N, C-alpha and C. Protein backbone atom coordinates (compact mmCIF):
# COMPACT_ATOMS: atom_id res chain seq x y z
N MET A 1 -17.10 9.12 -11.37
CA MET A 1 -15.78 9.63 -11.02
C MET A 1 -15.41 10.73 -12.00
N GLN A 2 -14.94 11.81 -11.48
CA GLN A 2 -14.40 12.87 -12.30
C GLN A 2 -12.91 12.96 -12.03
N ARG A 3 -12.14 12.17 -12.78
CA ARG A 3 -10.69 12.16 -12.59
C ARG A 3 -10.03 12.90 -13.72
N VAL A 4 -9.02 13.65 -13.35
CA VAL A 4 -8.16 14.33 -14.31
C VAL A 4 -6.75 13.88 -14.02
N ILE A 5 -6.03 13.48 -15.06
CA ILE A 5 -4.61 13.14 -14.88
C ILE A 5 -3.82 14.42 -15.09
N LEU A 6 -3.22 14.92 -14.02
CA LEU A 6 -2.50 16.19 -14.07
C LEU A 6 -1.14 16.05 -14.75
N SER A 7 -0.45 14.96 -14.46
CA SER A 7 0.82 14.69 -15.14
C SER A 7 0.84 13.21 -15.51
N PRO A 8 0.63 12.91 -16.79
CA PRO A 8 0.56 11.50 -17.20
C PRO A 8 1.91 10.82 -17.03
N PRO A 9 1.87 9.49 -16.94
CA PRO A 9 3.13 8.77 -16.80
C PRO A 9 3.99 8.92 -18.05
N ALA A 10 5.26 9.06 -17.84
CA ALA A 10 6.19 9.19 -18.97
C ALA A 10 6.50 7.81 -19.53
N LEU A 11 6.42 7.68 -20.83
CA LEU A 11 6.82 6.44 -21.49
C LEU A 11 8.24 6.62 -21.99
N PRO A 12 9.18 5.88 -21.44
CA PRO A 12 10.57 6.04 -21.88
C PRO A 12 10.76 5.46 -23.27
N SER A 13 11.85 5.82 -23.88
CA SER A 13 12.16 5.31 -25.22
C SER A 13 12.33 3.79 -25.20
N SER A 14 12.66 3.23 -24.04
CA SER A 14 12.82 1.77 -23.95
C SER A 14 11.49 1.06 -24.18
N ALA A 15 10.37 1.68 -23.80
CA ALA A 15 9.06 1.06 -24.03
C ALA A 15 8.76 0.98 -25.52
N LEU A 16 9.01 2.07 -26.23
CA LEU A 16 8.81 2.08 -27.67
C LEU A 16 9.76 1.11 -28.35
N ALA A 17 11.01 1.08 -27.91
CA ALA A 17 11.99 0.16 -28.49
C ALA A 17 11.56 -1.29 -28.28
N GLU A 18 11.00 -1.59 -27.11
CA GLU A 18 10.54 -2.94 -26.82
C GLU A 18 9.38 -3.34 -27.75
N LEU A 19 8.45 -2.41 -27.98
CA LEU A 19 7.33 -2.69 -28.88
C LEU A 19 7.82 -2.85 -30.32
N LYS A 20 8.74 -1.99 -30.74
CA LYS A 20 9.27 -2.09 -32.10
C LYS A 20 10.01 -3.41 -32.30
N GLN A 21 10.73 -3.85 -31.29
CA GLN A 21 11.42 -5.14 -31.38
C GLN A 21 10.40 -6.27 -31.49
N TRP A 22 9.34 -6.21 -30.68
CA TRP A 22 8.28 -7.20 -30.70
C TRP A 22 7.65 -7.30 -32.09
N LEU A 23 7.48 -6.14 -32.74
CA LEU A 23 6.84 -6.10 -34.06
C LEU A 23 7.83 -6.27 -35.22
N GLY A 24 9.11 -6.19 -34.94
CA GLY A 24 10.11 -6.29 -36.00
C GLY A 24 10.20 -5.03 -36.84
N ILE A 25 9.96 -3.88 -36.23
CA ILE A 25 10.01 -2.58 -36.93
C ILE A 25 11.35 -1.93 -36.63
N THR A 26 12.03 -1.46 -37.67
CA THR A 26 13.34 -0.83 -37.48
C THR A 26 13.34 0.64 -37.85
N THR A 27 12.30 1.13 -38.52
CA THR A 27 12.25 2.53 -38.93
C THR A 27 11.59 3.38 -37.84
N THR A 28 11.70 4.69 -37.99
CA THR A 28 11.11 5.60 -37.00
C THR A 28 9.79 6.21 -37.48
N GLN A 29 9.37 5.90 -38.68
CA GLN A 29 8.19 6.56 -39.23
C GLN A 29 6.89 6.23 -38.47
N ASP A 30 6.84 5.11 -37.78
CA ASP A 30 5.64 4.72 -37.03
C ASP A 30 5.75 5.00 -35.53
N ASP A 31 6.73 5.75 -35.11
CA ASP A 31 6.94 5.97 -33.67
C ASP A 31 5.75 6.62 -32.98
N ALA A 32 5.17 7.66 -33.59
CA ALA A 32 4.05 8.36 -32.95
C ALA A 32 2.83 7.44 -32.81
N PRO A 33 2.41 6.73 -33.87
CA PRO A 33 1.26 5.84 -33.69
C PRO A 33 1.55 4.69 -32.71
N LEU A 34 2.76 4.19 -32.69
CA LEU A 34 3.09 3.11 -31.76
C LEU A 34 3.07 3.61 -30.32
N THR A 35 3.53 4.82 -30.09
CA THR A 35 3.47 5.40 -28.75
C THR A 35 2.03 5.60 -28.33
N ALA A 36 1.17 6.03 -29.27
CA ALA A 36 -0.26 6.18 -28.97
C ALA A 36 -0.88 4.82 -28.61
N LEU A 37 -0.46 3.76 -29.29
CA LEU A 37 -0.96 2.42 -28.98
C LEU A 37 -0.53 1.98 -27.58
N LEU A 38 0.69 2.33 -27.19
CA LEU A 38 1.15 2.00 -25.83
C LEU A 38 0.32 2.74 -24.78
N ARG A 39 0.03 4.01 -25.04
CA ARG A 39 -0.80 4.79 -24.10
C ARG A 39 -2.21 4.20 -24.01
N ALA A 40 -2.77 3.82 -25.15
CA ALA A 40 -4.10 3.19 -25.15
C ALA A 40 -4.06 1.86 -24.41
N ALA A 41 -2.97 1.10 -24.55
CA ALA A 41 -2.83 -0.17 -23.84
C ALA A 41 -2.80 0.07 -22.33
N LEU A 42 -2.13 1.14 -21.89
CA LEU A 42 -2.12 1.48 -20.46
C LEU A 42 -3.53 1.75 -19.96
N GLN A 43 -4.33 2.48 -20.74
CA GLN A 43 -5.70 2.78 -20.35
C GLN A 43 -6.56 1.51 -20.31
N THR A 44 -6.36 0.62 -21.29
CA THR A 44 -7.10 -0.64 -21.31
C THR A 44 -6.71 -1.51 -20.12
N CYS A 45 -5.44 -1.51 -19.80
CA CYS A 45 -4.96 -2.27 -18.64
C CYS A 45 -5.63 -1.77 -17.37
N GLU A 46 -5.70 -0.46 -17.20
CA GLU A 46 -6.34 0.10 -16.01
C GLU A 46 -7.82 -0.26 -15.98
N ALA A 47 -8.49 -0.18 -17.13
CA ALA A 47 -9.92 -0.51 -17.18
C ALA A 47 -10.14 -1.99 -16.84
N PHE A 48 -9.26 -2.86 -17.29
CA PHE A 48 -9.41 -4.29 -17.06
C PHE A 48 -9.06 -4.68 -15.62
N THR A 49 -7.94 -4.18 -15.13
CA THR A 49 -7.47 -4.60 -13.81
C THR A 49 -8.06 -3.78 -12.66
N GLY A 50 -8.48 -2.55 -12.94
CA GLY A 50 -8.93 -1.67 -11.88
C GLY A 50 -7.77 -0.99 -11.17
N LEU A 51 -6.56 -1.11 -11.73
CA LEU A 51 -5.36 -0.54 -11.13
C LEU A 51 -4.61 0.30 -12.16
N MET A 52 -4.18 1.48 -11.77
CA MET A 52 -3.37 2.32 -12.65
C MET A 52 -1.96 1.71 -12.71
N PRO A 53 -1.48 1.35 -13.91
CA PRO A 53 -0.18 0.66 -13.99
C PRO A 53 1.02 1.51 -13.57
N ILE A 54 1.16 2.70 -14.14
CA ILE A 54 2.33 3.54 -13.89
C ILE A 54 1.90 4.79 -13.13
N GLU A 55 2.70 5.18 -12.15
CA GLU A 55 2.37 6.34 -11.32
C GLU A 55 2.11 7.59 -12.14
N ALA A 56 1.07 8.31 -11.72
CA ALA A 56 0.71 9.58 -12.34
C ALA A 56 0.12 10.48 -11.26
N GLU A 57 0.23 11.76 -11.48
CA GLU A 57 -0.40 12.74 -10.59
C GLU A 57 -1.83 12.94 -11.10
N CYS A 58 -2.80 12.78 -10.20
CA CYS A 58 -4.21 12.83 -10.58
C CYS A 58 -4.98 13.76 -9.65
N GLU A 59 -6.21 14.04 -10.06
CA GLU A 59 -7.14 14.78 -9.22
C GLU A 59 -8.53 14.20 -9.44
N GLU A 60 -9.24 13.97 -8.35
CA GLU A 60 -10.63 13.52 -8.41
C GLU A 60 -11.49 14.51 -7.66
N MET A 61 -12.70 14.72 -8.17
CA MET A 61 -13.67 15.61 -7.55
C MET A 61 -14.69 14.74 -6.81
N LEU A 62 -14.85 15.02 -5.52
CA LEU A 62 -15.78 14.28 -4.68
C LEU A 62 -16.78 15.26 -4.06
N PRO A 63 -17.99 14.78 -3.75
CA PRO A 63 -18.93 15.67 -3.06
C PRO A 63 -18.43 16.00 -1.65
N ALA A 64 -18.68 17.21 -1.22
CA ALA A 64 -18.27 17.65 0.12
C ALA A 64 -19.38 17.31 1.09
N CYS A 65 -19.25 16.16 1.73
CA CYS A 65 -20.26 15.74 2.68
C CYS A 65 -19.59 14.98 3.82
N ALA A 66 -20.36 14.77 4.87
CA ALA A 66 -19.82 14.06 6.03
C ALA A 66 -19.56 12.61 5.67
N GLY A 67 -18.65 12.01 6.38
CA GLY A 67 -18.34 10.60 6.16
C GLY A 67 -17.16 10.42 5.21
N TRP A 68 -16.66 9.21 5.21
CA TRP A 68 -15.52 8.88 4.37
C TRP A 68 -15.95 8.69 2.93
N ARG A 69 -15.15 9.22 2.00
CA ARG A 69 -15.37 9.05 0.56
C ARG A 69 -14.11 8.42 -0.02
N SER A 70 -14.30 7.37 -0.80
CA SER A 70 -13.18 6.67 -1.41
C SER A 70 -12.88 7.22 -2.80
N LEU A 71 -11.60 7.30 -3.11
CA LEU A 71 -11.18 7.66 -4.46
C LEU A 71 -11.40 6.44 -5.35
N ALA A 72 -11.77 6.68 -6.59
CA ALA A 72 -12.04 5.58 -7.52
C ALA A 72 -10.74 4.99 -8.08
N THR A 73 -9.70 5.79 -8.17
CA THR A 73 -8.43 5.34 -8.74
C THR A 73 -7.65 4.57 -7.69
N ARG A 74 -6.99 3.50 -8.14
CA ARG A 74 -6.15 2.67 -7.26
C ARG A 74 -4.91 2.23 -7.99
N PRO A 75 -3.85 1.90 -7.36
CA PRO A 75 -3.55 2.10 -5.95
C PRO A 75 -3.03 3.52 -5.71
N VAL A 76 -3.56 4.15 -4.69
CA VAL A 76 -3.13 5.50 -4.30
C VAL A 76 -1.88 5.35 -3.44
N THR A 77 -0.83 6.08 -3.81
CA THR A 77 0.41 6.02 -3.04
C THR A 77 0.60 7.24 -2.14
N ALA A 78 -0.06 8.36 -2.49
CA ALA A 78 0.04 9.57 -1.66
C ALA A 78 -1.11 10.50 -1.99
N ILE A 79 -1.67 11.11 -0.96
CA ILE A 79 -2.64 12.19 -1.15
C ILE A 79 -1.89 13.46 -0.83
N THR A 80 -1.83 14.37 -1.80
CA THR A 80 -0.95 15.52 -1.67
C THR A 80 -1.66 16.82 -1.32
N ALA A 81 -2.93 16.98 -1.68
CA ALA A 81 -3.62 18.23 -1.38
C ALA A 81 -5.12 18.06 -1.53
N LEU A 82 -5.87 18.86 -0.77
CA LEU A 82 -7.31 18.92 -0.89
C LEU A 82 -7.72 20.38 -1.04
N ASP A 83 -8.56 20.64 -2.03
CA ASP A 83 -9.12 21.98 -2.23
C ASP A 83 -10.62 21.90 -2.11
N GLY A 84 -11.21 22.89 -1.47
CA GLY A 84 -12.66 23.02 -1.47
C GLY A 84 -13.08 23.69 -2.76
N VAL A 85 -14.22 23.31 -3.30
CA VAL A 85 -14.75 23.91 -4.52
C VAL A 85 -16.17 24.37 -4.22
N THR A 86 -16.43 25.66 -4.45
CA THR A 86 -17.76 26.21 -4.19
C THR A 86 -18.70 25.88 -5.35
N ALA A 87 -19.98 26.19 -5.15
CA ALA A 87 -20.99 25.93 -6.19
C ALA A 87 -20.68 26.71 -7.47
N SER A 88 -20.02 27.85 -7.34
CA SER A 88 -19.68 28.65 -8.52
C SER A 88 -18.38 28.20 -9.18
N GLY A 89 -17.70 27.22 -8.58
CA GLY A 89 -16.47 26.69 -9.17
C GLY A 89 -15.20 27.29 -8.62
N ASP A 90 -15.32 28.21 -7.68
CA ASP A 90 -14.13 28.80 -7.07
C ASP A 90 -13.47 27.79 -6.14
N ARG A 91 -12.14 27.79 -6.14
CA ARG A 91 -11.38 26.87 -5.30
C ARG A 91 -10.74 27.61 -4.14
N PHE A 92 -10.62 26.89 -3.03
CA PHE A 92 -9.88 27.41 -1.88
C PHE A 92 -9.18 26.24 -1.21
N ILE A 93 -8.05 26.52 -0.62
CA ILE A 93 -7.24 25.48 0.03
C ILE A 93 -7.89 25.10 1.35
N LEU A 94 -8.07 23.80 1.53
CA LEU A 94 -8.55 23.30 2.82
C LEU A 94 -7.36 23.19 3.76
N THR A 95 -7.47 23.77 4.91
CA THR A 95 -6.35 23.78 5.85
C THR A 95 -6.31 22.49 6.66
N THR A 96 -5.14 22.16 7.14
CA THR A 96 -4.96 20.99 7.98
C THR A 96 -5.90 21.10 9.18
N GLY A 97 -6.55 20.01 9.50
CA GLY A 97 -7.50 20.01 10.60
C GLY A 97 -8.94 20.09 10.14
N THR A 98 -9.14 20.43 8.85
CA THR A 98 -10.50 20.47 8.32
C THR A 98 -10.84 19.20 7.55
N TYR A 99 -9.87 18.29 7.49
CA TYR A 99 -10.09 17.04 6.78
C TYR A 99 -9.18 15.95 7.35
N ASP A 100 -9.54 14.73 7.06
CA ASP A 100 -8.70 13.56 7.35
C ASP A 100 -8.55 12.78 6.07
N PHE A 101 -7.46 12.04 5.95
CA PHE A 101 -7.34 11.10 4.84
C PHE A 101 -6.58 9.88 5.31
N GLU A 102 -6.79 8.78 4.60
CA GLU A 102 -6.05 7.56 4.94
C GLU A 102 -5.83 6.74 3.67
N LEU A 103 -4.75 5.99 3.71
CA LEU A 103 -4.39 5.07 2.64
C LEU A 103 -4.43 3.66 3.21
N ASP A 104 -5.13 2.77 2.51
CA ASP A 104 -5.22 1.38 2.95
C ASP A 104 -4.14 0.54 2.28
N ALA A 105 -3.86 -0.60 2.87
CA ALA A 105 -2.86 -1.51 2.32
C ALA A 105 -3.25 -2.02 0.94
N ASP A 106 -4.55 -2.05 0.62
CA ASP A 106 -5.00 -2.52 -0.69
C ASP A 106 -4.95 -1.43 -1.76
N GLY A 107 -4.46 -0.25 -1.42
CA GLY A 107 -4.30 0.83 -2.39
C GLY A 107 -5.44 1.82 -2.42
N ALA A 108 -6.43 1.65 -1.56
CA ALA A 108 -7.54 2.60 -1.53
C ALA A 108 -7.13 3.86 -0.80
N GLY A 109 -7.61 4.99 -1.30
CA GLY A 109 -7.42 6.27 -0.64
C GLY A 109 -8.78 6.82 -0.27
N ARG A 110 -8.90 7.33 0.96
CA ARG A 110 -10.18 7.87 1.42
C ARG A 110 -9.95 9.23 2.07
N VAL A 111 -10.95 10.09 1.92
CA VAL A 111 -10.91 11.41 2.55
C VAL A 111 -12.23 11.64 3.30
N ARG A 112 -12.13 12.48 4.33
CA ARG A 112 -13.31 12.84 5.12
C ARG A 112 -13.19 14.31 5.48
N LEU A 113 -14.22 15.07 5.19
CA LEU A 113 -14.23 16.48 5.56
C LEU A 113 -14.77 16.63 6.97
N LEU A 114 -14.06 17.37 7.77
CA LEU A 114 -14.51 17.68 9.12
C LEU A 114 -15.24 19.02 9.13
N GLU A 115 -14.77 19.93 8.27
CA GLU A 115 -15.40 21.24 8.11
C GLU A 115 -15.41 21.57 6.62
N ALA A 116 -16.57 21.57 6.02
CA ALA A 116 -16.67 21.83 4.58
C ALA A 116 -16.66 23.32 4.26
N GLY A 117 -17.12 24.14 5.18
CA GLY A 117 -17.19 25.57 4.88
C GLY A 117 -18.13 25.80 3.71
N ALA A 118 -17.69 26.58 2.72
CA ALA A 118 -18.51 26.90 1.56
C ALA A 118 -18.39 25.86 0.45
N ALA A 119 -17.64 24.82 0.69
CA ALA A 119 -17.38 23.82 -0.35
C ALA A 119 -18.61 22.95 -0.60
N THR A 120 -18.91 22.75 -1.88
CA THR A 120 -19.92 21.77 -2.28
C THR A 120 -19.24 20.51 -2.79
N HIS A 121 -17.98 20.65 -3.20
CA HIS A 121 -17.15 19.53 -3.66
C HIS A 121 -15.74 19.70 -3.11
N VAL A 122 -15.00 18.63 -3.13
CA VAL A 122 -13.60 18.69 -2.74
C VAL A 122 -12.77 18.09 -3.87
N ALA A 123 -11.72 18.79 -4.26
CA ALA A 123 -10.79 18.31 -5.27
C ALA A 123 -9.60 17.69 -4.55
N VAL A 124 -9.39 16.40 -4.77
CA VAL A 124 -8.33 15.66 -4.10
C VAL A 124 -7.21 15.39 -5.09
N ARG A 125 -6.01 15.90 -4.81
CA ARG A 125 -4.85 15.63 -5.65
C ARG A 125 -4.04 14.52 -5.00
N PHE A 126 -3.60 13.59 -5.84
CA PHE A 126 -2.93 12.41 -5.31
C PHE A 126 -2.04 11.79 -6.38
N THR A 127 -1.18 10.88 -5.93
CA THR A 127 -0.35 10.07 -6.81
C THR A 127 -0.87 8.65 -6.73
N ALA A 128 -1.01 8.01 -7.89
CA ALA A 128 -1.49 6.64 -7.93
C ALA A 128 -0.72 5.87 -8.98
N GLY A 129 -0.53 4.58 -8.75
CA GLY A 129 0.12 3.70 -9.72
C GLY A 129 0.82 2.54 -9.05
N LEU A 130 0.85 1.41 -9.76
CA LEU A 130 1.53 0.22 -9.25
C LEU A 130 3.04 0.36 -9.24
N ALA A 131 3.58 0.99 -10.28
CA ALA A 131 5.03 1.11 -10.42
C ALA A 131 5.40 2.56 -10.69
N PRO A 132 6.57 2.98 -10.26
CA PRO A 132 6.97 4.38 -10.49
C PRO A 132 7.26 4.68 -11.95
N ASP A 133 7.62 3.66 -12.73
CA ASP A 133 7.95 3.89 -14.13
C ASP A 133 7.77 2.60 -14.93
N TRP A 134 7.99 2.68 -16.23
CA TRP A 134 7.81 1.55 -17.13
C TRP A 134 8.64 0.34 -16.71
N ASP A 135 9.89 0.59 -16.39
CA ASP A 135 10.79 -0.51 -16.05
C ASP A 135 10.43 -1.17 -14.73
N GLY A 136 9.67 -0.50 -13.88
CA GLY A 136 9.26 -1.06 -12.60
C GLY A 136 7.98 -1.88 -12.66
N LEU A 137 7.35 -1.93 -13.83
CA LEU A 137 6.11 -2.72 -13.97
C LEU A 137 6.39 -4.21 -13.79
N PRO A 138 5.48 -4.92 -13.15
CA PRO A 138 5.63 -6.38 -13.10
C PRO A 138 5.66 -6.95 -14.52
N ASP A 139 6.43 -8.01 -14.71
CA ASP A 139 6.63 -8.58 -16.04
C ASP A 139 5.33 -8.94 -16.74
N SER A 140 4.38 -9.53 -16.03
CA SER A 140 3.14 -9.95 -16.69
C SER A 140 2.34 -8.75 -17.18
N LEU A 141 2.32 -7.67 -16.45
CA LEU A 141 1.62 -6.47 -16.92
C LEU A 141 2.33 -5.86 -18.12
N ARG A 142 3.63 -5.74 -18.03
CA ARG A 142 4.39 -5.14 -19.14
C ARG A 142 4.28 -5.99 -20.39
N HIS A 143 4.37 -7.29 -20.25
CA HIS A 143 4.26 -8.18 -21.41
C HIS A 143 2.85 -8.08 -22.01
N GLY A 144 1.83 -7.99 -21.16
CA GLY A 144 0.47 -7.81 -21.66
C GLY A 144 0.29 -6.50 -22.40
N LEU A 145 0.92 -5.45 -21.90
CA LEU A 145 0.87 -4.15 -22.59
C LEU A 145 1.50 -4.24 -23.98
N MET A 146 2.65 -4.92 -24.06
CA MET A 146 3.32 -5.12 -25.35
C MET A 146 2.43 -5.91 -26.31
N ARG A 147 1.89 -7.01 -25.81
CA ARG A 147 1.04 -7.87 -26.66
C ARG A 147 -0.19 -7.11 -27.14
N LEU A 148 -0.81 -6.31 -26.28
CA LEU A 148 -2.00 -5.57 -26.67
C LEU A 148 -1.67 -4.51 -27.72
N ALA A 149 -0.61 -3.75 -27.49
CA ALA A 149 -0.22 -2.72 -28.47
C ALA A 149 0.14 -3.38 -29.80
N ALA A 150 0.85 -4.49 -29.77
CA ALA A 150 1.21 -5.19 -31.00
C ALA A 150 -0.04 -5.73 -31.70
N HIS A 151 -0.97 -6.27 -30.93
CA HIS A 151 -2.23 -6.78 -31.49
C HIS A 151 -2.99 -5.65 -32.19
N GLN A 152 -3.09 -4.52 -31.53
CA GLN A 152 -3.80 -3.38 -32.12
C GLN A 152 -3.09 -2.89 -33.39
N HIS A 153 -1.78 -2.92 -33.39
CA HIS A 153 -1.04 -2.50 -34.58
C HIS A 153 -1.31 -3.45 -35.74
N ARG A 154 -1.30 -4.74 -35.46
CA ARG A 154 -1.53 -5.73 -36.52
C ARG A 154 -2.97 -5.71 -37.02
N GLU A 155 -3.91 -5.37 -36.17
CA GLU A 155 -5.33 -5.38 -36.53
C GLU A 155 -5.83 -4.02 -37.03
N ARG A 156 -4.94 -3.08 -37.26
CA ARG A 156 -5.35 -1.72 -37.60
C ARG A 156 -6.14 -1.64 -38.91
N GLU A 157 -6.01 -2.60 -39.77
CA GLU A 157 -6.71 -2.54 -41.05
C GLU A 157 -7.76 -3.63 -41.18
N SER A 158 -8.11 -4.30 -40.09
CA SER A 158 -9.12 -5.36 -40.17
C SER A 158 -10.52 -4.75 -40.16
N ASP A 159 -11.50 -5.57 -40.54
CA ASP A 159 -12.87 -5.08 -40.67
C ASP A 159 -13.60 -4.97 -39.34
N GLY A 160 -13.49 -5.98 -38.51
CA GLY A 160 -14.27 -6.01 -37.28
C GLY A 160 -13.44 -5.74 -36.06
N ALA A 161 -14.10 -5.18 -35.06
CA ALA A 161 -13.42 -4.91 -33.80
C ALA A 161 -13.51 -6.14 -32.91
N ALA A 162 -12.40 -6.64 -32.50
CA ALA A 162 -12.36 -7.79 -31.60
C ALA A 162 -12.49 -7.29 -30.16
N PRO A 163 -12.96 -8.14 -29.26
CA PRO A 163 -13.04 -7.71 -27.86
C PRO A 163 -11.66 -7.44 -27.29
N LEU A 164 -11.60 -6.42 -26.46
CA LEU A 164 -10.33 -6.08 -25.82
C LEU A 164 -10.42 -6.37 -24.35
N PRO A 165 -9.41 -6.83 -23.73
CA PRO A 165 -8.17 -7.29 -24.33
C PRO A 165 -8.33 -8.71 -24.89
N PRO A 166 -7.46 -9.09 -25.83
CA PRO A 166 -7.51 -10.46 -26.33
C PRO A 166 -7.24 -11.46 -25.19
N ALA A 167 -7.63 -12.70 -25.38
CA ALA A 167 -7.51 -13.72 -24.33
C ALA A 167 -6.07 -13.87 -23.84
N SER A 168 -5.10 -13.76 -24.75
CA SER A 168 -3.70 -13.92 -24.34
C SER A 168 -3.26 -12.80 -23.40
N VAL A 169 -3.80 -11.61 -23.59
CA VAL A 169 -3.48 -10.48 -22.72
C VAL A 169 -4.26 -10.59 -21.41
N ALA A 170 -5.53 -10.94 -21.51
CA ALA A 170 -6.36 -11.08 -20.31
C ALA A 170 -5.77 -12.12 -19.36
N ALA A 171 -5.20 -13.18 -19.91
CA ALA A 171 -4.59 -14.21 -19.07
C ALA A 171 -3.40 -13.65 -18.28
N LEU A 172 -2.66 -12.74 -18.88
CA LEU A 172 -1.52 -12.14 -18.19
C LEU A 172 -1.96 -11.15 -17.12
N TRP A 173 -3.05 -10.46 -17.38
CA TRP A 173 -3.53 -9.42 -16.46
C TRP A 173 -4.48 -9.93 -15.39
N ARG A 174 -5.11 -11.07 -15.60
CA ARG A 174 -6.15 -11.55 -14.68
C ARG A 174 -5.67 -11.63 -13.23
N PRO A 175 -4.45 -12.07 -12.94
CA PRO A 175 -4.04 -12.10 -11.52
C PRO A 175 -4.01 -10.73 -10.85
N TRP A 176 -3.93 -9.67 -11.63
CA TRP A 176 -3.88 -8.32 -11.09
C TRP A 176 -5.26 -7.68 -10.98
N ARG A 177 -6.26 -8.33 -11.53
CA ARG A 177 -7.60 -7.75 -11.62
C ARG A 177 -8.22 -7.61 -10.24
N ARG A 178 -8.77 -6.44 -9.99
CA ARG A 178 -9.45 -6.15 -8.73
C ARG A 178 -10.89 -5.83 -9.06
N MET A 179 -11.77 -6.57 -8.42
CA MET A 179 -13.20 -6.34 -8.62
C MET A 179 -13.75 -5.67 -7.38
N ARG A 180 -14.69 -4.74 -7.60
CA ARG A 180 -15.34 -4.07 -6.49
C ARG A 180 -16.84 -4.21 -6.64
N LEU A 181 -17.51 -4.49 -5.56
CA LEU A 181 -18.96 -4.53 -5.57
C LEU A 181 -19.48 -3.13 -5.38
N ALA A 182 -20.47 -2.78 -6.19
CA ALA A 182 -21.03 -1.43 -6.09
C ALA A 182 -22.24 -1.41 -5.20
């Protein structure tokens, strides 16, 4: 998968405040590293569950060939544009009628080229995520994100790397985990 996040999810100040409260931190000197830990926790959550927690604008590059191609990112809430990409890397807009796309109830997004033209690849722009923002996250996911960021903060000076996510976080996220057979 070649995914690029075009506009990452915004972390509101309430997310940082929640983590600082969890850790008992009252100063602002650690705000930047704590925010980085929250972002890393979001990435770990996506890797573990197979679902992007907070909506973001993304783009994936797929081969331009016949048949349906599934996007790797889930859950897809909207497919907004498709561009053809030539072998030299030039982009052109694919017009309506040269492609089909569909969104499944399980969050999968698929595209199919009807006419590829000079395209060797297709760049698919879409929105994906379980919740529109931090406050819309299900409680178990949000609590797991807090616990993971706090765990990483507390373990920042330890010698060995523990497996991620810790068992307490994995237990919160396991009901959301989606497995796919390759």
